[in-house]
């Protein structure tokens, strides 16, 4: 069942989203060569709790940490650890906050130190794919319109769109209906209605879109070892179109 949110609920979710956006502002300064992902996890958990919220991911279906980390060929759901960041690499960090009974969720890809111009271009295509999808979250459109727009844009760049992991509804639960695929056909799926709150989170690869799961049962990687970037916002559908909840 798709749960539509009132304006009052969306206002609370915007507060949760602001906390998430503040976390990404911190990460933009902290992501440097030599820093461990475990250190980043501690910094973000401490900040979320200082803001009167709790980390959405910690304990969710058994996930052990407050952030998900995805360096290089990792697609999503990587577990922070002692490994230290290396200049020239990229890492996606996913952050969620649960505040006053509601979740907000956002992921961003960060360059670690100096990266190539090709990497910068790849990251920008991933970022643009997110906004191409958000633009389709209009009342009267369908969920399939979001995925179709993302897939069309990305495949024109000769890149892949991961199929195994979708966006989703967000609310009192972290993952709600409907699933939001980042590929598909226009005019398909549930109608987009005022009051929907969705996490749109395309994962874009330089090679195959297929994934494999590590032995830890969480970490998803590209099957061919190709690089992956991901950008995600939680958005609310209003009468005049989507608004982004997870930005400052």
Protein backbone atom coordinates (compact mmCIF):
# COMPACT_ATOMS: atom_id res chain seq x y z
CA UNK A 1 0.00 0.00 0.00
CA UNK A 2 1.30 3.43 -0.96
CA UNK A 3 1.04 5.84 1.98
CA UNK A 4 0.49 9.47 1.01
CA UNK A 5 1.85 12.07 3.40
CA UNK A 6 0.17 15.23 4.61
CA UNK A 7 1.86 18.62 4.39
CA UNK A 8 2.55 18.39 8.13
CA UNK A 9 4.26 15.03 7.71
CA UNK A 10 6.29 16.32 4.77
CA UNK A 11 7.40 19.27 6.91
CA UNK A 12 8.75 16.84 9.53
CA UNK A 13 10.45 14.79 6.80
CA UNK A 14 12.08 17.98 5.55
CA UNK A 15 13.58 18.42 9.02
CA UNK A 16 14.90 14.85 8.85
CA UNK A 17 16.19 15.61 5.36
CA UNK A 18 18.02 18.68 6.62
CA UNK A 19 19.89 16.52 9.13
CA UNK A 20 20.89 14.16 6.32
CA UNK A 21 22.02 17.09 4.16
CA UNK A 22 24.08 18.43 7.06
CA UNK A 23 25.75 15.01 7.30
CA UNK A 24 26.72 15.21 3.65
CA UNK A 25 28.12 18.69 4.19
CA UNK A 26 30.31 17.20 6.92
CA UNK A 27 31.33 14.30 4.67
CA UNK A 28 32.31 16.67 1.87
CA UNK A 29 35.00 17.99 4.22
CA UNK A 30 35.95 14.69 5.86
CA UNK A 31 36.36 12.45 2.79
CA UNK A 32 40.12 12.58 2.27
CA UNK A 33 42.94 10.14 1.55
CA UNK A 34 43.97 8.24 4.67
CA UNK A 35 40.62 8.45 6.46
CA UNK A 36 38.90 5.13 7.22
CA UNK A 37 35.24 4.51 6.48
CA UNK A 38 34.85 3.39 10.09
CA UNK A 39 35.94 6.87 11.22
CA UNK A 40 33.39 8.45 8.90
CA UNK A 41 30.70 6.17 10.29
CA UNK A 42 31.47 7.30 13.86
CA UNK A 43 31.45 10.98 12.90
CA UNK A 44 28.06 10.72 11.17
CA UNK A 45 26.43 8.61 13.87
CA UNK A 46 27.55 11.08 16.53
CA UNK A 47 26.21 14.03 14.54
CA UNK A 48 22.84 12.41 13.83
CA UNK A 49 22.36 11.65 17.52
CA UNK A 50 23.46 15.16 18.53
CA UNK A 51 20.67 16.49 16.29
CA UNK A 52 18.10 14.45 18.21
CA UNK A 53 17.68 11.83 15.50
CA UNK A 54 18.80 8.21 15.12
CA UNK A 55 20.63 6.58 12.18
CA UNK A 56 18.07 4.97 9.88
CA UNK A 57 20.37 2.20 8.70
CA UNK A 58 21.87 0.96 11.96
CA UNK A 59 20.05 -2.27 12.82
CA UNK A 60 17.81 -2.09 9.74
CA UNK A 61 17.34 -5.73 8.77
CA UNK A 62 20.55 -6.38 10.74
CA UNK A 63 22.80 -3.81 9.04
CA UNK A 64 25.61 -3.07 11.53
CA UNK A 65 26.52 0.55 10.76
CA UNK A 66 25.10 4.06 10.48
CA UNK A 67 26.25 4.74 6.92
CA UNK A 68 26.57 2.57 3.82
CA UNK A 69 29.82 2.96 1.90
CA UNK A 70 30.45 2.05 -1.73
CA UNK A 71 34.01 2.62 -2.97
CA UNK A 72 34.85 2.17 -6.65
CA UNK A 73 33.18 -1.05 -7.94
CA UNK A 74 30.82 -1.34 -4.95
CA UNK A 75 27.24 -0.50 -5.93
CA UNK A 76 25.66 -0.16 -2.49
CA UNK A 77 25.28 -1.48 1.08
CA UNK A 78 29.00 -1.68 1.84
CA UNK A 79 29.88 -1.92 5.54
CA UNK A 80 32.33 0.65 6.99
CA UNK A 81 35.64 -0.76 8.21
CA UNK A 82 39.31 0.00 8.88
CA UNK A 83 40.33 0.31 5.21
CA UNK A 84 41.60 3.80 4.44
CA UNK A 85 40.55 5.96 1.51
CA UNK A 86 42.97 6.25 -1.42
CA UNK A 87 43.54 9.28 -3.62
CA UNK A 88 42.15 8.87 -7.13
CA UNK A 89 39.28 6.65 -6.04
CA UNK A 90 35.60 7.50 -5.56
CA UNK A 91 33.20 6.51 -2.81
CA UNK A 92 29.44 6.74 -2.46
CA UNK A 93 28.17 7.31 1.08
CA UNK A 94 24.51 6.73 1.91
CA UNK A 95 23.06 8.43 5.00
CA UNK A 96 19.63 8.09 6.60
CA UNK A 97 18.13 9.82 9.65
CA UNK A 98 15.00 8.95 11.63
CA UNK A 99 13.53 12.07 13.22
CA UNK A 100 10.20 12.58 14.99
CA UNK A 101 8.92 9.29 13.57
CA UNK A 102 10.00 9.74 9.93
CA UNK A 103 12.98 8.82 7.77
CA UNK A 104 14.95 10.72 5.13
CA UNK A 105 17.61 9.15 2.95
CA UNK A 106 20.31 10.50 0.61
CA UNK A 107 23.49 9.19 -1.03
CA UNK A 108 26.28 11.08 -2.76
CA UNK A 109 29.47 10.09 -4.55
CA UNK A 110 32.69 11.80 -3.45
CA UNK A 111 36.05 12.08 -5.19
CA UNK A 112 38.93 11.08 -2.90
CA UNK A 113 41.79 13.50 -3.39
CA UNK A 114 42.70 14.18 -7.02
CA UNK A 115 40.74 12.23 -9.63
CA UNK A 116 40.90 12.20 -13.42
CA UNK A 117 38.77 14.41 -15.65
CA UNK A 118 37.10 11.25 -16.98
CA UNK A 119 36.07 10.40 -13.41
CA UNK A 120 34.71 13.91 -12.87
CA UNK A 121 32.66 13.57 -16.07
CA UNK A 122 31.37 10.15 -14.97
CA UNK A 123 30.31 11.55 -11.60
CA UNK A 124 28.50 14.44 -13.30
CA UNK A 125 26.55 12.05 -15.53
CA UNK A 126 25.49 10.12 -12.41
CA UNK A 127 24.40 13.34 -10.70
CA UNK A 128 22.46 14.49 -13.74
CA UNK A 129 20.73 11.10 -13.95
CA UNK A 130 19.25 11.75 -10.52
CA UNK A 131 17.82 15.12 -11.53
CA UNK A 132 16.50 13.73 -14.81
CA UNK A 133 14.54 11.23 -12.72
CA UNK A 134 13.35 13.78 -10.17
CA UNK A 135 11.95 15.96 -12.97
CA UNK A 136 9.56 13.13 -13.88
CA UNK A 137 8.07 12.92 -10.36
CA UNK A 138 5.10 15.05 -11.40
CA UNK A 139 1.47 14.46 -10.36
CA UNK A 140 -0.24 12.47 -13.12
CA UNK A 141 2.94 10.79 -14.37
CA UNK A 142 3.72 7.18 -13.55
CA UNK A 143 6.60 5.59 -11.67
CA UNK A 144 7.82 4.06 -14.92
CA UNK A 145 8.37 7.54 -16.34
CA UNK A 146 11.11 8.11 -13.74
CA UNK A 147 13.01 4.96 -14.64
CA UNK A 148 12.58 5.45 -18.37
CA UNK A 149 14.00 8.98 -18.22
CA UNK A 150 17.02 7.83 -16.19
CA UNK A 151 17.72 4.79 -18.37
CA UNK A 152 17.41 6.75 -21.60
CA UNK A 153 19.75 9.48 -20.40
CA UNK A 154 22.39 7.09 -19.03
CA UNK A 155 22.41 4.66 -21.94
CA UNK A 156 22.92 7.55 -24.34
CA UNK A 157 26.23 8.02 -22.53
CA UNK A 158 27.06 4.31 -23.11
CA UNK A 159 26.84 3.58 -19.41
CA UNK A 160 24.85 1.03 -17.41
CA UNK A 161 21.93 1.41 -14.99
CA UNK A 162 21.84 -1.12 -12.14
CA UNK A 163 18.60 -3.16 -12.13
CA UNK A 164 18.89 -5.18 -8.91
CA UNK A 165 18.40 -2.22 -6.56
CA UNK A 166 15.56 0.30 -6.73
CA UNK A 167 14.47 3.53 -5.18
CA UNK A 168 11.49 3.33 -2.84
CA UNK A 169 8.85 5.12 -0.89
CA UNK A 170 9.96 6.71 2.39
CA UNK A 171 8.00 7.56 5.53
CA UNK A 172 7.58 6.07 8.98
CA UNK A 173 9.39 3.07 7.52
CA UNK A 174 12.67 3.43 5.69
CA UNK A 175 11.50 1.32 2.74
CA UNK A 176 7.87 1.76 1.76
CA UNK A 177 5.83 1.17 -1.37
CA UNK A 178 6.21 1.80 -4.23
CA UNK A 179 9.54 0.50 -5.54
CA UNK A 180 11.08 3.03 -7.93
CA UNK A 181 13.14 1.27 -10.65
CA UNK A 182 15.73 3.33 -12.48
CA UNK A 183 14.92 1.69 -15.79
CA UNK A 184 11.73 0.70 -17.61
CA UNK A 185 9.03 1.90 -19.93
CA UNK A 186 7.06 5.15 -19.78
CA UNK A 187 3.43 5.10 -18.71
CA UNK A 188 3.87 1.99 -16.56
CA UNK A 189 3.56 1.45 -12.82
CA UNK A 190 1.61 3.31 -10.13
CA UNK A 191 0.37 6.82 -10.78
CA UNK A 192 2.41 9.54 -9.12
CA UNK A 193 0.21 11.43 -6.67
CA UNK A 194 0.49 14.48 -4.46
CA UNK A 195 1.74 13.37 -1.05
CA UNK A 196 4.06 10.61 -2.31
CA UNK A 197 7.53 10.71 -0.79
CA UNK A 198 10.14 8.83 -2.80
CA UNK A 199 13.84 8.06 -2.63
CA UNK A 200 15.21 8.24 -6.18
CA UNK A 201 18.73 6.78 -6.28
CA UNK A 202 20.13 5.69 -9.66
CA UNK A 203 23.31 3.62 -9.58
CA UNK A 204 25.35 4.17 -12.75
CA UNK A 205 28.22 1.97 -13.98
CA UNK A 206 30.98 2.25 -16.56
CA UNK A 207 30.36 -1.36 -17.57
CA UNK A 208 27.81 -4.06 -16.87
CA UNK A 209 24.72 -3.19 -14.84
CA UNK A 210 24.71 -6.66 -13.23
CA UNK A 211 25.60 -7.11 -9.56
CA UNK A 212 27.04 -9.74 -7.24
CA UNK A 213 26.91 -9.89 -3.44
CA UNK A 214 29.98 -10.37 -1.23
CA UNK A 215 30.18 -13.07 1.41
CA UNK A 216 29.15 -10.56 4.08
CA UNK A 217 25.63 -10.77 2.63
CA UNK A 218 25.43 -6.99 2.17
CA UNK A 219 28.06 -5.51 -0.11
CA UNK A 220 26.90 -5.40 -3.75
CA UNK A 221 29.52 -5.00 -6.50
CA UNK A 222 29.48 -4.72 -10.27
CA UNK A 223 29.90 -8.18 -11.73
CA UNK A 224 32.71 -7.02 -14.04
CA UNK A 225 34.55 -4.81 -11.55
CA UNK A 226 33.56 -1.60 -13.33
CA UNK A 227 33.21 1.64 -11.41
CA UNK A 228 29.84 2.72 -10.02
CA UNK A 229 28.51 6.07 -8.81
CA UNK A 230 25.21 6.83 -7.11
CA UNK A 231 23.29 9.97 -6.24
CA UNK A 232 20.08 9.95 -4.19
CA UNK A 233 17.59 12.43 -2.82
CA UNK A 234 14.35 11.97 -0.90
CA UNK A 235 11.68 14.00 -2.68
CA UNK A 236 8.05 14.87 -1.97
CA UNK A 237 5.45 15.23 -4.71
CA UNK A 238 3.51 18.48 -4.31
CA UNK A 239 0.73 20.03 -6.40
CA UNK A 240 3.22 21.92 -8.56
CA UNK A 241 5.84 19.15 -8.78
CA UNK A 242 8.61 17.53 -6.73
CA UNK A 243 10.54 19.20 -3.94
CA UNK A 244 13.83 17.87 -2.59
CA UNK A 245 13.76 17.17 1.15
CA UNK A 246 17.42 16.19 1.59
CA UNK A 247 19.20 19.43 0.73
CA UNK A 248 20.22 22.51 2.68
